[in-house]
Amino acid sequence: MSGYIGSTVQEIEAAPNAELTADLLDRLKDLDATRINKDDQIVMRKAVLGLLSIVSTLEARIAELESR
């Protein structure tokens, strides 16, 4: 592994078993491909919102596991 992360969201791939991350990446790649005026603020805002969605899903899973 070279340690290269990528300079655009289009270059990043999620691990095969990282479904939530893959979903976020798909959304960000679509947004990046269609963004107006190449405004990175919109992309960053959507990234944060996507991460909040993932955190919410993970929090619900943790709560379910803890209640068992």
PDB file of N, CA and C in Angstrom:
ATOM      1  N   MET A   1       0.845  -1.179   0.000  1.00  0.00           N
ATOM      2  CA  MET A   1       0.000   0.000   0.000  1.00  0.00           C
ATOM      3  C   MET A   1       0.885   1.235   0.000  1.00  0.00           C
ATOM      4  N   SER A   2       0.606   2.159  -0.895  1.00  0.00           N
ATOM      5  CA  SER A   2       1.452   3.329  -1.050  1.00  0.00           C
ATOM      6  C   SER A   2       1.115   4.441  -0.078  1.00  0.00           C
ATOM      7  N   GLY A   3      -0.048   4.420   0.534  1.00  0.00           N
ATOM      8  CA  GLY A   3      -0.446   5.478   1.439  1.00  0.00           C
ATOM      9  C   GLY A   3      -1.139   6.628   0.728  1.00  0.00           C
ATOM     10  N   TYR A   4      -1.263   6.545  -0.607  1.00  0.00           N
ATOM     11  CA  TYR A   4      -1.934   7.600  -1.363  1.00  0.00           C
ATOM     12  C   TYR A   4      -3.427   7.556  -1.060  1.00  0.00           C
ATOM     13  N   ILE A   5      -3.980   8.663  -0.641  1.00  0.00           N
ATOM     14  CA  ILE A   5      -5.391   8.723  -0.280  1.00  0.00           C
ATOM     15  C   ILE A   5      -6.258   9.062  -1.480  1.00  0.00           C
ATOM     16  N   GLY A   6      -5.801   9.953  -2.317  1.00  0.00           N
ATOM     17  CA  GLY A   6      -6.586  10.422  -3.450  1.00  0.00           C
ATOM     18  C   GLY A   6      -6.795  11.919  -3.316  1.00  0.00           C
ATOM     19  N   SER A   7      -6.893  12.578  -4.423  1.00  0.00           N
ATOM     20  CA  SER A   7      -7.069  14.029  -4.373  1.00  0.00           C
ATOM     21  C   SER A   7      -8.500  14.451  -4.688  1.00  0.00           C
ATOM     22  N   THR A   8      -9.340  13.519  -5.106  1.00  0.00           N
ATOM     23  CA  THR A   8     -10.753  13.804  -5.334  1.00  0.00           C
ATOM     24  C   THR A   8     -11.588  12.655  -4.786  1.00  0.00           C
ATOM     25  N   VAL A   9     -12.844  12.932  -4.533  1.00  0.00           N
ATOM     26  CA  VAL A   9     -13.741  11.892  -4.033  1.00  0.00           C
ATOM     27  C   VAL A   9     -13.911  10.786  -5.073  1.00  0.00           C
ATOM     28  N   GLN A  10     -13.741  11.116  -6.349  1.00  0.00           N
ATOM     29  CA  GLN A  10     -13.890  10.123  -7.417  1.00  0.00           C
ATOM     30  C   GLN A  10     -12.837   9.018  -7.325  1.00  0.00           C
ATOM     31  N   GLU A  11     -11.705   9.295  -6.695  1.00  0.00           N
ATOM     32  CA  GLU A  11     -10.613   8.319  -6.593  1.00  0.00           C
ATOM     33  C   GLU A  11     -10.738   7.395  -5.390  1.00  0.00           C
ATOM     34  N   ILE A  12     -11.669   7.653  -4.505  1.00  0.00           N
ATOM     35  CA  ILE A  12     -11.774   6.900  -3.255  1.00  0.00           C
ATOM     36  C   ILE A  12     -12.758   5.752  -3.422  1.00  0.00           C
ATOM     37  N   GLU A  13     -12.388   4.594  -2.920  1.00  0.00           N
ATOM     38  CA  GLU A  13     -13.256   3.414  -2.951  1.00  0.00           C
ATOM     39  C   GLU A  13     -13.426   2.888  -1.528  1.00  0.00           C
ATOM     40  N   ALA A  14     -14.617   2.456  -1.212  1.00  0.00           N
ATOM     41  CA  ALA A  14     -14.884   1.876   0.102  1.00  0.00           C
ATOM     42  C   ALA A  14     -14.477   0.409   0.114  1.00  0.00           C
ATOM     43  N   ALA A  15     -14.182  -0.094   1.291  1.00  0.00           N
ATOM     44  CA  ALA A  15     -13.893  -1.516   1.453  1.00  0.00           C
ATOM     45  C   ALA A  15     -15.147  -2.318   1.099  1.00  0.00           C
ATOM     46  N   PRO A  16     -14.978  -3.555   0.640  1.00  0.00           N
ATOM     47  CA  PRO A  16     -16.132  -4.353   0.216  1.00  0.00           C
ATOM     48  C   PRO A  16     -17.227  -4.518   1.279  1.00  0.00           C
ATOM     49  N   ASN A  17     -16.873  -4.563   2.541  1.00  0.00           N
ATOM     50  CA  ASN A  17     -17.872  -4.775   3.593  1.00  0.00           C
ATOM     51  C   ASN A  17     -18.297  -3.473   4.274  1.00  0.00           C
ATOM     52  N   ALA A  18     -17.952  -2.318   3.712  1.00  0.00           N
ATOM     53  CA  ALA A  18     -18.299  -1.022   4.300  1.00  0.00           C
ATOM     54  C   ALA A  18     -19.487  -0.418   3.550  1.00  0.00           C
ATOM     55  N   GLU A  19     -20.655  -0.980   3.774  1.00  0.00           N
ATOM     56  CA  GLU A  19     -21.846  -0.584   3.019  1.00  0.00           C
ATOM     57  C   GLU A  19     -22.237   0.874   3.253  1.00  0.00           C
ATOM     58  N   LEU A  20     -22.188   1.326   4.503  1.00  0.00           N
ATOM     59  CA  LEU A  20     -22.577   2.707   4.796  1.00  0.00           C
ATOM     60  C   LEU A  20     -21.596   3.697   4.172  1.00  0.00           C
ATOM     61  N   THR A  21     -20.324   3.378   4.231  1.00  0.00           N
ATOM     62  CA  THR A  21     -19.319   4.248   3.624  1.00  0.00           C
ATOM     63  C   THR A  21     -19.472   4.263   2.112  1.00  0.00           C
ATOM     64  N   ALA A  22     -19.749   3.121   1.524  1.00  0.00           N
ATOM     65  CA  ALA A  22     -19.958   3.045   0.074  1.00  0.00           C
ATOM     66  C   ALA A  22     -21.161   3.894  -0.335  1.00  0.00           C
ATOM     67  N   ASP A  23     -22.229   3.861   0.473  1.00  0.00           N
ATOM     68  CA  ASP A  23     -23.410   4.675   0.184  1.00  0.00           C
ATOM     69  C   ASP A  23     -23.066   6.160   0.239  1.00  0.00           C
ATOM     70  N   LEU A  24     -22.331   6.567   1.254  1.00  0.00           N
ATOM     71  CA  LEU A  24     -21.912   7.968   1.360  1.00  0.00           C
ATOM     72  C   LEU A  24     -21.029   8.357   0.175  1.00  0.00           C
ATOM     73  N   LEU A  25     -20.081   7.509  -0.178  1.00  0.00           N
ATOM     74  CA  LEU A  25     -19.205   7.803  -1.311  1.00  0.00           C
ATOM     75  C   LEU A  25     -19.987   7.933  -2.615  1.00  0.00           C
ATOM     76  N   ASP A  26     -20.979   7.074  -2.825  1.00  0.00           N
ATOM     77  CA  ASP A  26     -21.803   7.168  -4.030  1.00  0.00           C
ATOM     78  C   ASP A  26     -22.512   8.514  -4.089  1.00  0.00           C
ATOM     79  N   ARG A  27     -23.051   8.946  -2.955  1.00  0.00           N
ATOM     80  CA  ARG A  27     -23.738  10.243  -2.911  1.00  0.00           C
ATOM     81  C   ARG A  27     -22.775  11.386  -3.194  1.00  0.00           C
ATOM     82  N   LEU A  28     -21.601  11.325  -2.584  1.00  0.00           N
ATOM     83  CA  LEU A  28     -20.622  12.395  -2.767  1.00  0.00           C
ATOM     84  C   LEU A  28     -20.073  12.416  -4.190  1.00  0.00           C
ATOM     85  N   LYS A  29     -19.878  11.239  -4.782  1.00  0.00           N
ATOM     86  CA  LYS A  29     -19.394  11.180  -6.165  1.00  0.00           C
ATOM     87  C   LYS A  29     -20.423  11.775  -7.119  1.00  0.00           C
ATOM     88  N   ASP A  30     -21.705  11.485  -6.884  1.00  0.00           N
ATOM     89  CA  ASP A  30     -22.757  12.056  -7.710  1.00  0.00           C
ATOM     90  C   ASP A  30     -22.795  13.572  -7.536  1.00  0.00           C
ATOM     91  N   LEU A  31     -22.733  14.024  -6.311  1.00  0.00           N
ATOM     92  CA  LEU A  31     -22.740  15.466  -6.046  1.00  0.00           C
ATOM     93  C   LEU A  31     -21.530  16.139  -6.677  1.00  0.00           C
ATOM     94  N   ASP A  32     -20.374  15.525  -6.549  1.00  0.00           N
ATOM     95  CA  ASP A  32     -19.143  16.092  -7.109  1.00  0.00           C
ATOM     96  C   ASP A  32     -19.234  16.198  -8.631  1.00  0.00           C
ATOM     97  N   ALA A  33     -19.833  15.205  -9.254  1.00  0.00           N
ATOM     98  CA  ALA A  33     -19.932  15.187 -10.713  1.00  0.00           C
ATOM     99  C   ALA A  33     -20.926  16.224 -11.240  1.00  0.00           C
ATOM    100  N   THR A  34     -21.888  16.603 -10.413  1.00  0.00           N
ATOM    101  CA  THR A  34     -22.939  17.503 -10.895  1.00  0.00           C
ATOM    102  C   THR A  34     -22.964  18.847 -10.169  1.00  0.00           C
ATOM    103  N   ARG A  35     -21.966  19.127  -9.353  1.00  0.00           N
ATOM    104  CA  ARG A  35     -22.010  20.366  -8.562  1.00  0.00           C
ATOM    105  C   ARG A  35     -21.944  21.611  -9.447  1.00  0.00           C
ATOM    106  N   ILE A  36     -22.613  22.626  -8.972  1.00  0.00           N
ATOM    107  CA  ILE A  36     -22.704  23.887  -9.711  1.00  0.00           C
ATOM    108  C   ILE A  36     -21.526  24.773  -9.334  1.00  0.00           C
ATOM    109  N   ASN A  37     -20.876  25.330 -10.327  1.00  0.00           N
ATOM    110  CA  ASN A  37     -19.755  26.264 -10.128  1.00  0.00           C
ATOM    111  C   ASN A  37     -18.610  25.668  -9.308  1.00  0.00           C
ATOM    112  N   LYS A  38     -18.529  24.341  -9.281  1.00  0.00           N
ATOM    113  CA  LYS A  38     -17.450  23.663  -8.551  1.00  0.00           C
ATOM    114  C   LYS A  38     -17.307  24.208  -7.131  1.00  0.00           C
ATOM    115  N   ASP A  39     -18.440  24.377  -6.435  1.00  0.00           N
ATOM    116  CA  ASP A  39     -18.473  24.939  -5.092  1.00  0.00           C
ATOM    117  C   ASP A  39     -18.213  23.847  -4.053  1.00  0.00           C
ATOM    118  N   ASP A  40     -17.025  23.835  -3.488  1.00  0.00           N
ATOM    119  CA  ASP A  40     -16.656  22.816  -2.511  1.00  0.00           C
ATOM    120  C   ASP A  40     -17.430  22.946  -1.204  1.00  0.00           C
ATOM    121  N   GLN A  41     -17.976  24.112  -0.891  1.00  0.00           N
ATOM    122  CA  GLN A  41     -18.740  24.278   0.337  1.00  0.00           C
ATOM    123  C   GLN A  41     -19.978  23.388   0.326  1.00  0.00           C
ATOM    124  N   ILE A  42     -20.622  23.281  -0.827  1.00  0.00           N
ATOM    125  CA  ILE A  42     -21.800  22.426  -0.938  1.00  0.00           C
ATOM    126  C   ILE A  42     -21.402  20.969  -0.747  1.00  0.00           C
ATOM    127  N   VAL A  43     -20.297  20.569  -1.346  1.00  0.00           N
ATOM    128  CA  VAL A  43     -19.822  19.193  -1.213  1.00  0.00           C
ATOM    129  C   VAL A  43     -19.507  18.888   0.249  1.00  0.00           C
ATOM    130  N   MET A  44     -18.847  19.802   0.924  1.00  0.00           N
ATOM    131  CA  MET A  44     -18.500  19.583   2.332  1.00  0.00           C
ATOM    132  C   MET A  44     -19.764  19.505   3.195  1.00  0.00           C
ATOM    133  N   ARG A  45     -20.728  20.358   2.919  1.00  0.00           N
ATOM    134  CA  ARG A  45     -21.984  20.336   3.681  1.00  0.00           C
ATOM    135  C   ARG A  45     -22.681  18.995   3.503  1.00  0.00           C
ATOM    136  N   LYS A  46     -22.736  18.524   2.265  1.00  0.00           N
ATOM    137  CA  LYS A  46     -23.369  17.234   2.006  1.00  0.00           C
ATOM    138  C   LYS A  46     -22.586  16.094   2.656  1.00  0.00           C
ATOM    139  N   ALA A  47     -21.274  16.208   2.695  1.00  0.00           N
ATOM    140  CA  ALA A  47     -20.462  15.181   3.346  1.00  0.00           C
ATOM    141  C   ALA A  47     -20.790  15.110   4.831  1.00  0.00           C
ATOM    142  N   VAL A  48     -20.896  16.258   5.470  1.00  0.00           N
ATOM    143  CA  VAL A  48     -21.231  16.290   6.897  1.00  0.00           C
ATOM    144  C   VAL A  48     -22.620  15.702   7.125  1.00  0.00           C
ATOM    145  N   LEU A  49     -23.577  16.075   6.297  1.00  0.00           N
ATOM    146  CA  LEU A  49     -24.927  15.526   6.442  1.00  0.00           C
ATOM    147  C   LEU A  49     -24.927  14.013   6.230  1.00  0.00           C
ATOM    148  N   GLY A  50     -24.160  13.544   5.268  1.00  0.00           N
ATOM    149  CA  GLY A  50     -24.054  12.105   5.037  1.00  0.00           C
ATOM    150  C   GLY A  50     -23.435  11.384   6.215  1.00  0.00           C
ATOM    151  N   LEU A  51     -22.411  11.990   6.805  1.00  0.00           N
ATOM    152  CA  LEU A  51     -21.779  11.390   7.985  1.00  0.00           C
ATOM    153  C   LEU A  51     -22.743  11.350   9.160  1.00  0.00           C
ATOM    154  N   LEU A  52     -23.542  12.399   9.322  1.00  0.00           N
ATOM    155  CA  LEU A  52     -24.544  12.389  10.389  1.00  0.00           C
ATOM    156  C   LEU A  52     -25.537  11.253  10.200  1.00  0.00           C
ATOM    157  N   SER A  53     -25.914  11.000   8.964  1.00  0.00           N
ATOM    158  CA  SER A  53     -26.819   9.893   8.679  1.00  0.00           C
ATOM    159  C   SER A  53     -26.189   8.556   9.062  1.00  0.00           C
ATOM    160  N   ILE A  54     -24.919   8.386   8.717  1.00  0.00           N
ATOM    161  CA  ILE A  54     -24.213   7.151   9.064  1.00  0.00           C
ATOM    162  C   ILE A  54     -24.083   7.002  10.575  1.00  0.00           C
ATOM    163  N   VAL A  55     -23.740   8.070  11.260  1.00  0.00           N
ATOM    164  CA  VAL A  55     -23.608   8.030  12.721  1.00  0.00           C
ATOM    165  C   VAL A  55     -24.948   7.659  13.354  1.00  0.00           C
ATOM    166  N   SER A  56     -26.036   8.211  12.833  1.00  0.00           N
ATOM    167  CA  SER A  56     -27.359   7.892  13.344  1.00  0.00           C
ATOM    168  C   SER A  56     -27.672   6.403  13.188  1.00  0.00           C
ATOM    169  N   THR A  57     -27.357   5.860  12.032  1.00  0.00           N
ATOM    170  CA  THR A  57     -27.576   4.427  11.791  1.00  0.00           C
ATOM    171  C   THR A  57     -26.734   3.580  12.732  1.00  0.00           C
ATOM    172  N   LEU A  58     -25.480   3.957  12.898  1.00  0.00           N
ATOM    173  CA  LEU A  58     -24.599   3.203  13.802  1.00  0.00           C
ATOM    174  C   LEU A  58     -25.060   3.305  15.245  1.00  0.00           C
ATOM    175  N   GLU A  59     -25.516   4.488  15.650  1.00  0.00           N
ATOM    176  CA  GLU A  59     -26.016   4.667  17.011  1.00  0.00           C
ATOM    177  C   GLU A  59     -27.225   3.769  17.266  1.00  0.00           C
ATOM    178  N   ALA A  60     -28.117   3.670  16.295  1.00  0.00           N
ATOM    179  CA  ALA A  60     -29.287   2.791  16.437  1.00  0.00           C
ATOM    180  C   ALA A  60     -28.860   1.333  16.543  1.00  0.00           C
ATOM    181  N   ARG A  61     -27.856   0.932  15.772  1.00  0.00           N
ATOM    182  CA  ARG A  61     -27.360  -0.444  15.846  1.00  0.00           C
ATOM    183  C   ARG A  61     -26.731  -0.733  17.213  1.00  0.00           C
ATOM    184  N   ILE A  62     -25.974   0.205  17.721  1.00  0.00           N
ATOM    185  CA  ILE A  62     -25.346   0.037  19.036  1.00  0.00           C
ATOM    186  C   ILE A  62     -26.408  -0.086  20.118  1.00  0.00           C
ATOM    187  N   ALA A  63     -27.408   0.779  20.067  1.00  0.00           N
ATOM    188  CA  ALA A  63     -28.498   0.726  21.057  1.00  0.00           C
ATOM    189  C   ALA A  63     -29.217  -0.624  21.003  1.00  0.00           C
ATOM    190  N   GLU A  64     -29.428  -1.124  19.781  1.00  0.00           N
ATOM    191  CA  GLU A  64     -30.090  -2.425  19.635  1.00  0.00           C
ATOM    192  C   GLU A  64     -29.233  -3.535  20.233  1.00  0.00           C
ATOM    193  N   LEU A  65     -27.938  -3.509  19.963  1.00  0.00           N
ATOM    194  CA  LEU A  65     -27.033  -4.531  20.502  1.00  0.00           C
ATOM    195  C   LEU A  65     -26.937  -4.455  22.031  1.00  0.00           C
ATOM    196  N   GLU A  66     -26.929  -3.241  22.560  1.00  0.00           N
ATOM    197  CA  GLU A  66     -26.821  -3.076  24.002  1.00  0.00           C
ATOM    198  C   GLU A  66     -28.081  -3.539  24.724  1.00  0.00           C
ATOM    199  N   SER A  67     -29.215  -3.507  24.060  1.00  0.00           N
ATOM    200  CA  SER A  67     -30.470  -3.903  24.702  1.00  0.00           C
ATOM    201  C   SER A  67     -30.678  -5.407  24.732  1.00  0.00           C
ATOM    202  N   ARG A  68     -29.817  -6.132  24.056  1.00  0.00           N
ATOM    203  CA  ARG A  68     -29.948  -7.607  24.011  1.00  0.00           C
ATOM    204  C   ARG A  68     -29.460  -8.228  25.292  1.00  0.00           C
TER     205      ARG A  68
END
